[in-house]
Amino acid sequence: MKLQHEREAYIYLFYTSAENSSIDVLFPNPRSPNNKLKAGSYLFPSPDWALRSAGPAGDGAIIAISSSTPLNF
């Protein structure tokens, strides 16, 4: 996924499952804890992330939030 933003911001990425039973934080994470990013384009996931796919089959969604201040989730 490519994320592009025009100004420095705190970026948060979430994943919601196919059955919408859970929301997981993808970014920031223990491997990439610094979510204050400068303006520009970024590719996710980073090469050092380990992501696993599991059932059930269906459509999930990735939600991106950009904020000028840190948020507490």
C-alpha atoms as a PDB file:
ATOM      1  CA  MET A   1       0.000   0.000   0.000  1.00  0.00           C
ATOM      2  CA  LYS A   2       1.304   3.455  -0.859  1.00  0.00           C
ATOM      3  CA  LEU A   3       0.539   6.308   1.508  1.00  0.00           C
ATOM      4  CA  GLN A   4       1.186   9.874   0.426  1.00  0.00           C
ATOM      5  CA  HIS A   5       0.682  12.992   2.532  1.00  0.00           C
ATOM      6  CA  GLU A   6       1.545  16.663   2.033  1.00  0.00           C
ATOM      7  CA  ARG A   7       2.837  17.653   5.485  1.00  0.00           C
ATOM      8  CA  GLU A   8       4.537  16.130   8.491  1.00  0.00           C
ATOM      9  CA  ALA A   9       2.006  14.115  10.481  1.00  0.00           C
ATOM     10  CA  TYR A  10       1.447  11.258  12.872  1.00  0.00           C
ATOM     11  CA  ILE A  11       0.218   8.321  10.807  1.00  0.00           C
ATOM     12  CA  TYR A  12      -1.868   5.425  12.106  1.00  0.00           C
ATOM     13  CA  LEU A  13      -2.854   2.336  10.102  1.00  0.00           C
ATOM     14  CA  PHE A  14      -5.545  -0.102  11.213  1.00  0.00           C
ATOM     15  CA  TYR A  15      -6.890  -3.334   9.758  1.00  0.00           C
ATOM     16  CA  THR A  16     -10.473  -4.471  10.184  1.00  0.00           C
ATOM     17  CA  SER A  17     -11.207  -8.129   9.556  1.00  0.00           C
ATOM     18  CA  ALA A  18     -13.528  -9.585   6.932  1.00  0.00           C
ATOM     19  CA  GLU A  19     -16.260 -10.156   9.498  1.00  0.00           C
ATOM     20  CA  ASN A  20     -15.549  -6.786  11.193  1.00  0.00           C
ATOM     21  CA  SER A  21     -15.076  -8.525  14.529  1.00  0.00           C
ATOM     22  CA  SER A  22     -11.747  -6.892  15.333  1.00  0.00           C
ATOM     23  CA  ILE A  23      -9.587  -3.881  14.578  1.00  0.00           C
ATOM     24  CA  ASP A  24      -5.814  -4.341  14.699  1.00  0.00           C
ATOM     25  CA  VAL A  25      -3.173  -1.623  14.787  1.00  0.00           C
ATOM     26  CA  LEU A  26      -0.725  -2.135  11.895  1.00  0.00           C
ATOM     27  CA  PHE A  27       1.277   1.056  12.408  1.00  0.00           C
ATOM     28  CA  PRO A  28       2.879   2.160  14.648  1.00  0.00           C
ATOM     29  CA  ASN A  29       4.094  -1.214  15.859  1.00  0.00           C
ATOM     30  CA  PRO A  30       7.001  -2.604  17.932  1.00  0.00           C
ATOM     31  CA  ARG A  31       9.265  -2.851  14.849  1.00  0.00           C
ATOM     32  CA  SER A  32       8.318   0.628  13.572  1.00  0.00           C
ATOM     33  CA  PRO A  33       7.298   2.660  16.633  1.00  0.00           C
ATOM     34  CA  ASN A  34       8.005   6.130  15.195  1.00  0.00           C
ATOM     35  CA  ASN A  35       4.846   7.193  13.390  1.00  0.00           C
ATOM     36  CA  LYS A  36       5.732  10.883  12.985  1.00  0.00           C
ATOM     37  CA  LEU A  37       6.463  10.983   9.263  1.00  0.00           C
ATOM     38  CA  LYS A  38       7.673  13.818   7.085  1.00  0.00           C
ATOM     39  CA  ALA A  39       5.712  14.827   4.006  1.00  0.00           C
ATOM     40  CA  GLY A  40       6.141  12.372   1.168  1.00  0.00           C
ATOM     41  CA  SER A  41       5.291   8.871  -0.021  1.00  0.00           C
ATOM     42  CA  TYR A  42       5.661   5.711   2.039  1.00  0.00           C
ATOM     43  CA  LEU A  43       5.152   2.045   1.231  1.00  0.00           C
ATOM     44  CA  PHE A  44       3.540  -0.281   3.745  1.00  0.00           C
ATOM     45  CA  PRO A  45       4.293  -2.854   4.947  1.00  0.00           C
ATOM     46  CA  SER A  46       7.933  -2.086   5.560  1.00  0.00           C
ATOM     47  CA  PRO A  47      10.320  -4.873   4.433  1.00  0.00           C
ATOM     48  CA  ASP A  48      11.100  -5.740   8.069  1.00  0.00           C
ATOM     49  CA  TRP A  49       7.451  -6.368   9.016  1.00  0.00           C
ATOM     50  CA  ALA A  50       6.083  -9.877   9.285  1.00  0.00           C
ATOM     51  CA  LEU A  51       2.425 -10.123   8.289  1.00  0.00           C
ATOM     52  CA  ARG A  52       0.379 -13.309   8.286  1.00  0.00           C
ATOM     53  CA  SER A  53      -2.869 -13.929   6.526  1.00  0.00           C
ATOM     54  CA  ALA A  54      -5.525 -16.121   8.093  1.00  0.00           C
ATOM     55  CA  GLY A  55      -9.170 -16.971   7.471  1.00  0.00           C
ATOM     56  CA  PRO A  56     -11.979 -16.574   7.134  1.00  0.00           C
ATOM     57  CA  ALA A  57     -11.893 -15.496   3.519  1.00  0.00           C
ATOM     58  CA  GLY A  58     -13.526 -12.191   2.671  1.00  0.00           C
ATOM     59  CA  ASP A  59     -12.877  -8.507   2.322  1.00  0.00           C
ATOM     60  CA  GLY A  60     -11.047  -6.640   5.051  1.00  0.00           C
ATOM     61  CA  ALA A  61     -10.212  -2.958   5.136  1.00  0.00           C
ATOM     62  CA  ILE A  62      -7.196  -0.844   5.985  1.00  0.00           C
ATOM     63  CA  ILE A  63      -7.944   2.494   7.629  1.00  0.00           C
ATOM     64  CA  ALA A  64      -5.377   5.321   7.622  1.00  0.00           C
ATOM     65  CA  ILE A  65      -5.521   8.259  10.035  1.00  0.00           C
ATOM     66  CA  SER A  66      -3.293  11.322   9.783  1.00  0.00           C
ATOM     67  CA  SER A  67      -3.022  13.771  12.678  1.00  0.00           C
ATOM     68  CA  SER A  68      -0.967  16.872  13.433  1.00  0.00           C
ATOM     69  CA  THR A  69      -0.716  15.722  17.071  1.00  0.00           C
ATOM     70  CA  PRO A  70      -0.120  12.281  18.612  1.00  0.00           C
ATOM     71  CA  LEU A  71      -3.245  10.247  19.299  1.00  0.00           C
ATOM     72  CA  ASN A  72      -3.707   7.668  22.039  1.00  0.00           C
ATOM     73  CA  PHE A  73      -5.380   4.435  20.946  1.00  0.00           C
END
